C-alpha atoms as a PDB file:
ATOM      1  CA  UNK A   1      -3.376 -69.040 -28.020  1.00  0.00           C
ATOM      2  CA  UNK A   2      -1.008 -67.996 -30.964  1.00  0.00           C
ATOM      3  CA  UNK A   3      -0.079 -71.131 -33.015  1.00  0.00           C
ATOM      4  CA  UNK A   4      -3.026 -73.109 -31.377  1.00  0.00           C
ATOM      5  CA  UNK A   5      -5.268 -75.147 -33.646  1.00  0.00           C
ATOM      6  CA  UNK A   6      -8.909 -74.633 -33.637  1.00  0.00           C
ATOM      7  CA  UNK A   7      -9.444 -77.707 -31.421  1.00  0.00           C
ATOM      8  CA  UNK A   8      -6.942 -76.211 -28.775  1.00  0.00           C
ATOM      9  CA  UNK A   9      -9.058 -72.847 -28.841  1.00  0.00           C
ATOM     10  CA  UNK A  10     -12.248 -74.897 -28.303  1.00  0.00           C
ATOM     11  CA  UNK A  11     -10.721 -76.521 -25.251  1.00  0.00           C
ATOM     12  CA  UNK A  12      -9.694 -73.150 -23.707  1.00  0.00           C
ATOM     13  CA  UNK A  13     -12.753 -71.705 -24.439  1.00  0.00           C
ATOM     14  CA  UNK A  14     -14.976 -74.447 -23.249  1.00  0.00           C
ATOM     15  CA  UNK A  15     -17.138 -72.273 -21.092  1.00  0.00           C
ATOM     16  CA  UNK A  16     -18.274 -70.419 -24.120  1.00  0.00           C
ATOM     17  CA  UNK A  17     -21.289 -71.324 -26.162  1.00  0.00           C
ATOM     18  CA  UNK A  18     -20.536 -73.342 -29.393  1.00  0.00           C
ATOM     19  CA  UNK A  19     -22.478 -73.013 -32.637  1.00  0.00           C
ATOM     20  CA  UNK A  20     -22.673 -76.285 -34.493  1.00  0.00           C
ATOM     21  CA  UNK A  21     -24.040 -75.390 -37.817  1.00  0.00           C
ATOM     22  CA  UNK A  22     -22.741 -73.372 -40.539  1.00  0.00           C
ATOM     23  CA  UNK A  23     -20.049 -70.508 -39.456  1.00  0.00           C
ATOM     24  CA  UNK A  24     -21.575 -67.304 -38.690  1.00  0.00           C
ATOM     25  CA  UNK A  25     -20.392 -64.148 -40.380  1.00  0.00           C
ATOM     26  CA  UNK A  26     -18.522 -62.012 -37.938  1.00  0.00           C
ATOM     27  CA  UNK A  27     -20.305 -58.710 -37.330  1.00  0.00           C
ATOM     28  CA  UNK A  28     -18.405 -55.552 -36.637  1.00  0.00           C
ATOM     29  CA  UNK A  29     -17.885 -54.651 -33.083  1.00  0.00           C
ATOM     30  CA  UNK A  30     -15.854 -52.383 -30.758  1.00  0.00           C
ATOM     31  CA  UNK A  31     -14.288 -52.470 -27.171  1.00  0.00           C
ATOM     32  CA  UNK A  32     -12.758 -49.662 -24.925  1.00  0.00           C
ATOM     33  CA  UNK A  33     -10.197 -50.259 -22.985  1.00  0.00           C
ATOM     34  CA  UNK A  34     -10.205 -47.247 -20.483  1.00  0.00           C
ATOM     35  CA  UNK A  35      -6.765 -46.551 -18.527  1.00  0.00           C
ATOM     36  CA  UNK A  36      -6.218 -44.629 -15.649  1.00  0.00           C
ATOM     37  CA  UNK A  37      -2.746 -43.423 -15.095  1.00  0.00           C
ATOM     38  CA  UNK A  38      -3.384 -41.132 -11.849  1.00  0.00           C
ATOM     39  CA  UNK A  39      -1.820 -43.803  -9.634  1.00  0.00           C
ATOM     40  CA  UNK A  40       1.512 -45.436  -9.372  1.00  0.00           C
ATOM     41  CA  UNK A  41       0.018 -48.400 -11.451  1.00  0.00           C
ATOM     42  CA  UNK A  42      -1.869 -48.137 -14.549  1.00  0.00           C
ATOM     43  CA  UNK A  43      -5.415 -49.217 -13.886  1.00  0.00           C
ATOM     44  CA  UNK A  44      -8.094 -50.802 -16.291  1.00  0.00           C
ATOM     45  CA  UNK A  45     -11.669 -50.529 -16.186  1.00  0.00           C
ATOM     46  CA  UNK A  46     -13.313 -54.072 -16.391  1.00  0.00           C
ATOM     47  CA  UNK A  47     -16.883 -55.415 -15.956  1.00  0.00           C
ATOM     48  CA  UNK A  48     -18.442 -58.640 -15.198  1.00  0.00           C
ATOM     49  CA  UNK A  49     -20.920 -59.784 -17.994  1.00  0.00           C
ATOM     50  CA  UNK A  50     -24.337 -60.895 -16.753  1.00  0.00           C
ATOM     51  CA  UNK A  51     -24.402 -64.657 -15.940  1.00  0.00           C
ATOM     52  CA  UNK A  52     -27.456 -65.180 -18.355  1.00  0.00           C
ATOM     53  CA  UNK A  53     -25.694 -63.913 -21.362  1.00  0.00           C
ATOM     54  CA  UNK A  54     -25.146 -66.431 -24.314  1.00  0.00           C
ATOM     55  CA  UNK A  55     -21.733 -64.839 -25.175  1.00  0.00           C
ATOM     56  CA  UNK A  56     -19.022 -64.884 -22.417  1.00  0.00           C
ATOM     57  CA  UNK A  57     -21.344 -65.401 -19.341  1.00  0.00           C
ATOM     58  CA  UNK A  58     -19.907 -64.363 -15.987  1.00  0.00           C
ATOM     59  CA  UNK A  59     -16.684 -63.180 -17.570  1.00  0.00           C
ATOM     60  CA  UNK A  60     -14.703 -59.976 -16.967  1.00  0.00           C
ATOM     61  CA  UNK A  61     -14.443 -57.809 -20.123  1.00  0.00           C
ATOM     62  CA  UNK A  62     -13.989 -54.474 -21.217  1.00  0.00           C
ATOM     63  CA  UNK A  63     -17.132 -52.286 -22.157  1.00  0.00           C
ATOM     64  CA  UNK A  64     -18.097 -52.995 -25.802  1.00  0.00           C
ATOM     65  CA  UNK A  65     -20.451 -54.461 -28.200  1.00  0.00           C
ATOM     66  CA  UNK A  66     -21.863 -54.408 -31.785  1.00  0.00           C
ATOM     67  CA  UNK A  67     -21.484 -51.612 -34.339  1.00  0.00           C
ATOM     68  CA  UNK A  68     -24.287 -49.612 -35.495  1.00  0.00           C
ATOM     69  CA  UNK A  69     -23.623 -48.292 -39.003  1.00  0.00           C
ATOM     70  CA  UNK A  70     -25.766 -45.355 -38.408  1.00  0.00           C
ATOM     71  CA  UNK A  71     -23.185 -44.269 -35.518  1.00  0.00           C
ATOM     72  CA  UNK A  72     -21.068 -43.068 -38.265  1.00  0.00           C
ATOM     73  CA  UNK A  73     -23.472 -40.163 -38.965  1.00  0.00           C
ATOM     74  CA  UNK A  74     -23.336 -38.953 -35.396  1.00  0.00           C
ATOM     75  CA  UNK A  75     -21.419 -35.481 -35.018  1.00  0.00           C
ATOM     76  CA  UNK A  76     -18.205 -35.450 -33.115  1.00  0.00           C
ATOM     77  CA  UNK A  77     -16.064 -32.722 -31.566  1.00  0.00           C
ATOM     78  CA  UNK A  78     -13.010 -34.278 -33.004  1.00  0.00           C
ATOM     79  CA  UNK A  79     -12.377 -36.966 -35.440  1.00  0.00           C
ATOM     80  CA  UNK A  80     -10.223 -39.962 -35.478  1.00  0.00           C
ATOM     81  CA  UNK A  81      -6.380 -39.266 -35.711  1.00  0.00           C
ATOM     82  CA  UNK A  82      -5.295 -39.562 -39.149  1.00  0.00           C
ATOM     83  CA  UNK A  83      -2.711 -42.491 -38.317  1.00  0.00           C
ATOM     84  CA  UNK A  84      -5.474 -44.159 -36.450  1.00  0.00           C
ATOM     85  CA  UNK A  85      -7.892 -44.016 -39.092  1.00  0.00           C
ATOM     86  CA  UNK A  86      -5.387 -45.426 -41.642  1.00  0.00           C
ATOM     87  CA  UNK A  87      -4.920 -48.484 -39.469  1.00  0.00           C
ATOM     88  CA  UNK A  88      -8.705 -48.970 -39.011  1.00  0.00           C
ATOM     89  CA  UNK A  89      -9.327 -49.166 -42.906  1.00  0.00           C
ATOM     90  CA  UNK A  90      -6.319 -51.403 -43.687  1.00  0.00           C
ATOM     91  CA  UNK A  91      -6.035 -55.037 -43.226  1.00  0.00           C
ATOM     92  CA  UNK A  92      -8.320 -57.890 -44.369  1.00  0.00           C
ATOM     93  CA  UNK A  93     -11.975 -56.625 -45.140  1.00  0.00           C
ATOM     94  CA  UNK A  94     -10.827 -53.123 -45.700  1.00  0.00           C
ATOM     95  CA  UNK A  95     -13.237 -50.825 -43.980  1.00  0.00           C
ATOM     96  CA  UNK A  96     -14.330 -47.446 -45.569  1.00  0.00           C
ATOM     97  CA  UNK A  97     -13.942 -44.348 -43.701  1.00  0.00           C
ATOM     98  CA  UNK A  98     -17.508 -44.149 -42.875  1.00  0.00           C
ATOM     99  CA  UNK A  99     -17.301 -47.832 -41.394  1.00  0.00           C
ATOM    100  CA  UNK A 100     -14.075 -47.126 -39.335  1.00  0.00           C
ATOM    101  CA  UNK A 101     -15.783 -44.035 -37.908  1.00  0.00           C
ATOM    102  CA  UNK A 102     -18.896 -46.234 -37.091  1.00  0.00           C
ATOM    103  CA  UNK A 103     -16.631 -48.817 -35.297  1.00  0.00           C
ATOM    104  CA  UNK A 104     -14.937 -46.156 -33.167  1.00  0.00           C
ATOM    105  CA  UNK A 105     -18.144 -44.256 -32.325  1.00  0.00           C
ATOM    106  CA  UNK A 106     -19.717 -47.735 -31.231  1.00  0.00           C
ATOM    107  CA  UNK A 107     -16.611 -47.942 -28.710  1.00  0.00           C
ATOM    108  CA  UNK A 108     -17.705 -44.517 -27.211  1.00  0.00           C
ATOM    109  CA  UNK A 109     -21.395 -45.256 -27.159  1.00  0.00           C
ATOM    110  CA  UNK A 110     -21.005 -48.872 -25.613  1.00  0.00           C
ATOM    111  CA  UNK A 111     -18.864 -47.348 -22.858  1.00  0.00           C
ATOM    112  CA  UNK A 112     -21.700 -44.773 -21.920  1.00  0.00           C
ATOM    113  CA  UNK A 113     -24.354 -47.581 -22.054  1.00  0.00           C
ATOM    114  CA  UNK A 114     -22.520 -50.219 -20.121  1.00  0.00           C
ATOM    115  CA  UNK A 115     -20.417 -48.018 -17.789  1.00  0.00           C
ATOM    116  CA  UNK A 116     -22.016 -44.817 -17.721  1.00  0.00           C
ATOM    117  CA  UNK A 117     -18.750 -42.819 -18.742  1.00  0.00           C
ATOM    118  CA  UNK A 118     -19.261 -40.341 -21.556  1.00  0.00           C
ATOM    119  CA  UNK A 119     -15.966 -39.657 -23.558  1.00  0.00           C
ATOM    120  CA  UNK A 120     -15.783 -36.474 -25.492  1.00  0.00           C
ATOM    121  CA  UNK A 121     -15.988 -32.670 -24.665  1.00  0.00           C
ATOM    122  CA  UNK A 122     -18.347 -30.549 -22.594  1.00  0.00           C
ATOM    123  CA  UNK A 123     -20.355 -28.538 -24.759  1.00  0.00           C
ATOM    124  CA  UNK A 124     -23.513 -28.206 -26.941  1.00  0.00           C
ATOM    125  CA  UNK A 125     -24.430 -31.231 -28.494  1.00  0.00           C
ATOM    126  CA  UNK A 126     -27.415 -32.124 -30.592  1.00  0.00           C
ATOM    127  CA  UNK A 127     -28.517 -35.538 -32.465  1.00  0.00           C
ATOM    128  CA  UNK A 128     -31.952 -37.145 -33.239  1.00  0.00           C
ATOM    129  CA  UNK A 129     -30.191 -40.581 -32.744  1.00  0.00           C
ATOM    130  CA  UNK A 130     -31.900 -42.110 -29.678  1.00  0.00           C
ATOM    131  CA  UNK A 131     -28.720 -44.071 -28.647  1.00  0.00           C
ATOM    132  CA  UNK A 132     -26.943 -40.837 -28.162  1.00  0.00           C
ATOM    133  CA  UNK A 133     -29.451 -38.888 -25.958  1.00  0.00           C
ATOM    134  CA  UNK A 134     -27.461 -39.436 -23.049  1.00  0.00           C
ATOM    135  CA  UNK A 135     -24.519 -37.231 -24.543  1.00  0.00           C
ATOM    136  CA  UNK A 136     -27.337 -34.843 -25.585  1.00  0.00           C
ATOM    137  CA  UNK A 137     -28.790 -34.623 -21.793  1.00  0.00           C
ATOM    138  CA  UNK A 138     -25.319 -34.143 -20.253  1.00  0.00           C
ATOM    139  CA  UNK A 139     -23.985 -31.853 -22.642  1.00  0.00           C
ATOM    140  CA  UNK A 140     -21.003 -33.935 -23.894  1.00  0.00           C
ATOM    141  CA  UNK A 141     -19.904 -33.828 -27.706  1.00  0.00           C
ATOM    142  CA  UNK A 142     -18.241 -37.360 -28.439  1.00  0.00           C
ATOM    143  CA  UNK A 143     -14.557 -36.985 -29.558  1.00  0.00           C
ATOM    144  CA  UNK A 144     -12.698 -39.753 -31.435  1.00  0.00           C
ATOM    145  CA  UNK A 145      -9.104 -38.006 -31.350  1.00  0.00           C
ATOM    146  CA  UNK A 146      -8.396 -39.611 -27.766  1.00  0.00           C
ATOM    147  CA  UNK A 147      -8.902 -43.148 -29.080  1.00  0.00           C
ATOM    148  CA  UNK A 148      -5.947 -45.447 -30.028  1.00  0.00           C
ATOM    149  CA  UNK A 149      -6.593 -48.674 -32.053  1.00  0.00           C
ATOM    150  CA  UNK A 150      -4.789 -51.192 -29.960  1.00  0.00           C
ATOM    151  CA  UNK A 151      -5.800 -54.573 -31.382  1.00  0.00           C
ATOM    152  CA  UNK A 152      -8.149 -56.615 -33.663  1.00  0.00           C
ATOM    153  CA  UNK A 153      -9.379 -59.961 -33.133  1.00  0.00           C
ATOM    154  CA  UNK A 154     -11.987 -62.357 -34.915  1.00  0.00           C
ATOM    155  CA  UNK A 155     -14.170 -64.768 -33.011  1.00  0.00           C
ATOM    156  CA  UNK A 156     -13.458 -68.683 -34.066  1.00  0.00           C
ATOM    157  CA  UNK A 157     -15.797 -69.824 -36.730  1.00  0.00           C
ATOM    158  CA  UNK A 158     -18.067 -72.275 -34.499  1.00  0.00           C
ATOM    159  CA  UNK A 159     -19.087 -69.754 -31.837  1.00  0.00           C
ATOM    160  CA  UNK A 160     -22.832 -68.887 -31.325  1.00  0.00           C
ATOM    161  CA  UNK A 161     -21.871 -65.256 -31.497  1.00  0.00           C
ATOM    162  CA  UNK A 162     -19.160 -64.097 -34.084  1.00  0.00           C
ATOM    163  CA  UNK A 163     -17.332 -60.586 -33.928  1.00  0.00           C
ATOM    164  CA  UNK A 164     -14.767 -58.740 -35.911  1.00  0.00           C
ATOM    165  CA  UNK A 165     -13.728 -56.610 -32.830  1.00  0.00           C
ATOM    166  CA  UNK A 166     -11.760 -53.694 -32.668  1.00  0.00           C
ATOM    167  CA  UNK A 167     -10.066 -52.821 -29.244  1.00  0.00           C
ATOM    168  CA  UNK A 168      -9.491 -49.026 -28.718  1.00  0.00           C
ATOM    169  CA  UNK A 169      -7.872 -47.567 -25.562  1.00  0.00           C
ATOM    170  CA  UNK A 170      -8.515 -43.951 -24.136  1.00  0.00           C
ATOM    171  CA  UNK A 171      -7.410 -42.226 -20.870  1.00  0.00           C
ATOM    172  CA  UNK A 172      -9.713 -41.662 -17.874  1.00  0.00           C
ATOM    173  CA  UNK A 173      -8.985 -38.162 -18.328  1.00  0.00           C
ATOM    174  CA  UNK A 174     -10.658 -38.147 -21.622  1.00  0.00           C
ATOM    175  CA  UNK A 175     -14.005 -38.826 -19.946  1.00  0.00           C
ATOM    176  CA  UNK A 176     -16.140 -35.751 -19.679  1.00  0.00           C
ATOM    177  CA  UNK A 177     -18.863 -37.142 -17.528  1.00  0.00           C
ATOM    178  CA  UNK A 178     -18.810 -40.236 -14.998  1.00  0.00           C
ATOM    179  CA  UNK A 179     -22.493 -41.167 -14.000  1.00  0.00           C
ATOM    180  CA  UNK A 180     -22.308 -42.397 -10.328  1.00  0.00           C
ATOM    181  CA  UNK A 181     -24.834 -45.060 -11.034  1.00  0.00           C
ATOM    182  CA  UNK A 182     -23.151 -46.401 -14.293  1.00  0.00           C
ATOM    183  CA  UNK A 183     -24.781 -46.929 -17.689  1.00  0.00           C
ATOM    184  CA  UNK A 184     -28.491 -47.445 -18.612  1.00  0.00           C
ATOM    185  CA  UNK A 185     -28.179 -51.072 -19.955  1.00  0.00           C
ATOM    186  CA  UNK A 186     -26.900 -52.739 -16.753  1.00  0.00           C
ATOM    187  CA  UNK A 187     -25.409 -55.267 -19.058  1.00  0.00           C
ATOM    188  CA  UNK A 188     -22.199 -55.326 -16.700  1.00  0.00           C
ATOM    189  CA  UNK A 189     -22.751 -56.683 -13.341  1.00  0.00           C
ATOM    190  CA  UNK A 190     -19.766 -55.306 -11.762  1.00  0.00           C
ATOM    191  CA  UNK A 191     -17.463 -52.546 -12.741  1.00  0.00           C
ATOM    192  CA  UNK A 192     -14.037 -52.392 -11.145  1.00  0.00           C
ATOM    193  CA  UNK A 193     -10.659 -50.598 -11.946  1.00  0.00           C
ATOM    194  CA  UNK A 194      -7.731 -53.216 -11.723  1.00  0.00           C
ATOM    195  CA  UNK A 195      -3.946 -52.931 -12.174  1.00  0.00           C
ATOM    196  CA  UNK A 196      -2.990 -54.352 -15.432  1.00  0.00           C
ATOM    197  CA  UNK A 197      -1.482 -57.443 -13.623  1.00  0.00           C
ATOM    198  CA  UNK A 198      -4.602 -58.123 -11.500  1.00  0.00           C
ATOM    199  CA  UNK A 199      -6.725 -57.667 -14.763  1.00  0.00           C
ATOM    200  CA  UNK A 200      -4.726 -60.481 -16.215  1.00  0.00           C
ATOM    201  CA  UNK A 201      -5.515 -62.886 -13.421  1.00  0.00           C
ATOM    202  CA  UNK A 202      -9.167 -62.195 -13.343  1.00  0.00           C
ATOM    203  CA  UNK A 203     -11.772 -64.630 -14.658  1.00  0.00           C
ATOM    204  CA  UNK A 204     -11.422 -63.164 -18.550  1.00  0.00           C
ATOM    205  CA  UNK A 205     -11.845 -64.816 -21.705  1.00  0.00           C
ATOM    206  CA  UNK A 206      -8.375 -65.797 -23.288  1.00  0.00           C
ATOM    207  CA  UNK A 207      -8.394 -63.163 -25.921  1.00  0.00           C
ATOM    208  CA  UNK A 208      -9.020 -60.445 -23.258  1.00  0.00           C
ATOM    209  CA  UNK A 209      -6.012 -61.899 -21.363  1.00  0.00           C
ATOM    210  CA  UNK A 210      -3.981 -61.715 -24.640  1.00  0.00           C
ATOM    211  CA  UNK A 211      -5.002 -58.153 -25.496  1.00  0.00           C
ATOM    212  CA  UNK A 212      -3.834 -56.942 -21.988  1.00  0.00           C
ATOM    213  CA  UNK A 213      -0.557 -58.557 -22.447  1.00  0.00           C
ATOM    214  CA  UNK A 214      -0.135 -56.861 -25.760  1.00  0.00           C
ATOM    215  CA  UNK A 215      -1.050 -53.457 -24.046  1.00  0.00           C
ATOM    216  CA  UNK A 216       1.525 -53.921 -21.227  1.00  0.00           C
ATOM    217  CA  UNK A 217       4.124 -54.673 -23.691  1.00  0.00           C
ATOM    218  CA  UNK A 218       3.169 -51.460 -25.633  1.00  0.00           C
ATOM    219  CA  UNK A 219       2.994 -49.232 -22.573  1.00  0.00           C
ATOM    220  CA  UNK A 220       6.378 -50.402 -21.695  1.00  0.00           C
ATOM    221  CA  UNK A 221       8.074 -48.677 -24.650  1.00  0.00           C
ATOM    222  CA  UNK A 222       5.186 -46.150 -25.469  1.00  0.00           C
ATOM    223  CA  UNK A 223       3.631 -45.076 -22.094  1.00  0.00           C
ATOM    224  CA  UNK A 224       1.912 -42.335 -23.982  1.00  0.00           C
ATOM    225  CA  UNK A 225       0.016 -44.397 -26.495  1.00  0.00           C
ATOM    226  CA  UNK A 226       1.045 -42.260 -29.274  1.00  0.00           C
ATOM    227  CA  UNK A 227      -0.855 -42.547 -32.583  1.00  0.00           C
ATOM    228  CA  UNK A 228       0.008 -44.797 -35.341  1.00  0.00           C
ATOM    229  CA  UNK A 229       1.421 -47.880 -33.081  1.00  0.00           C
ATOM    230  CA  UNK A 230       1.475 -51.378 -34.627  1.00  0.00           C
ATOM    231  CA  UNK A 231      -1.875 -53.197 -34.175  1.00  0.00           C
ATOM    232  CA  UNK A 232      -1.824 -56.984 -33.365  1.00  0.00           C
ATOM    233  CA  UNK A 233      -4.607 -58.979 -35.074  1.00  0.00           C
ATOM    234  CA  UNK A 234      -5.782 -62.551 -33.922  1.00  0.00           C
ATOM    235  CA  UNK A 235      -7.662 -64.766 -36.159  1.00  0.00           C
ATOM    236  CA  UNK A 236      -8.013 -68.439 -37.325  1.00  0.00           C
ATOM    237  CA  UNK A 237      -6.269 -69.062 -40.472  1.00  0.00           C
ATOM    238  CA  UNK A 238      -6.302 -72.798 -41.950  1.00  0.00           C
ATOM    239  CA  UNK A 239      -7.062 -74.203 -38.511  1.00  0.00           C
ATOM    240  CA  UNK A 240      -4.619 -72.434 -36.598  1.00  0.00           C
ATOM    241  CA  UNK A 241      -4.696 -69.186 -34.473  1.00  0.00           C
ATOM    242  CA  UNK A 242      -2.426 -66.707 -35.605  1.00  0.00           C
ATOM    243  CA  UNK A 243      -1.046 -63.231 -34.654  1.00  0.00           C
ATOM    244  CA  UNK A 244      -0.459 -60.697 -37.517  1.00  0.00           C
ATOM    245  CA  UNK A 245       0.325 -56.951 -37.393  1.00  0.00           C
ATOM    246  CA  UNK A 246      -1.484 -54.229 -39.062  1.00  0.00           C
END
C-alpha cells in the first residue's frame, strides 16, 4: 500500500464501507497484537469480526476498539515504559500523557472485552468504572509496562468509520487470566492463534497484513521487542498512502 494513491487504496479495500460525504474526523483507537512464543513458531491471536459489522465485516483482525478518555483514570499496577510513552506522545496530533495512557489502556480493555484475556498482575484491584469490573471480579490489576508500541495507522478519509489506531504488542505470558468462554461482547466470532506467516494469508484488511509484515521484520532483529523501537506510521498525504517512522 505504501506509495499508492487514494484510488488504489479504495480498490484494494473495496469490501469496506465507504462514506461519500464530508470526511469524518478519525477517533483514537487501540489494538493489541498478542504473541505466544512458547512454541517453535511465534503465534499471534486473531479474531473474525461479525459479518453484520459496518467496519471490516468478516475480516480477521486483532482485538481492539475505540479509546475511552476515562480509561486514563483507571489505576494500574505499572505505567507505560518511559520510552514507549515518549513514542506515543510524539508525531502528528501530539497526545498528552493522559491521552496516551487512555489509548494504551483501551487496548487492554478491548482485549478483555473481545477475547476474555486480562493483561496485568494478580492482586487486589478496585475501580468504579463499569467497563473494568471484569478485572475487579477476577482480581487482576491492569499493567501497561508489558505493552510495546508497534505501529500507527489512520483510516483513509472516505471510510464510514475512521480511526487513528495505535497498534501495541504484548506476550501471552503477560496475560494474568484467560477466560475459557472468551470476552463478554462476542464481537469476534472466532478466535485463533496463528503462526505469523499464516496470519498474513488469512482474510485480513490490507493494513493488518502490513502491520504483520512490519512486526515480522522487527522480531527478526529484536526478538524480545525491547522498549523504544521505531514505530511505522501509515496515513494518506496529498492523495498518496505513505509510511513514516515515529
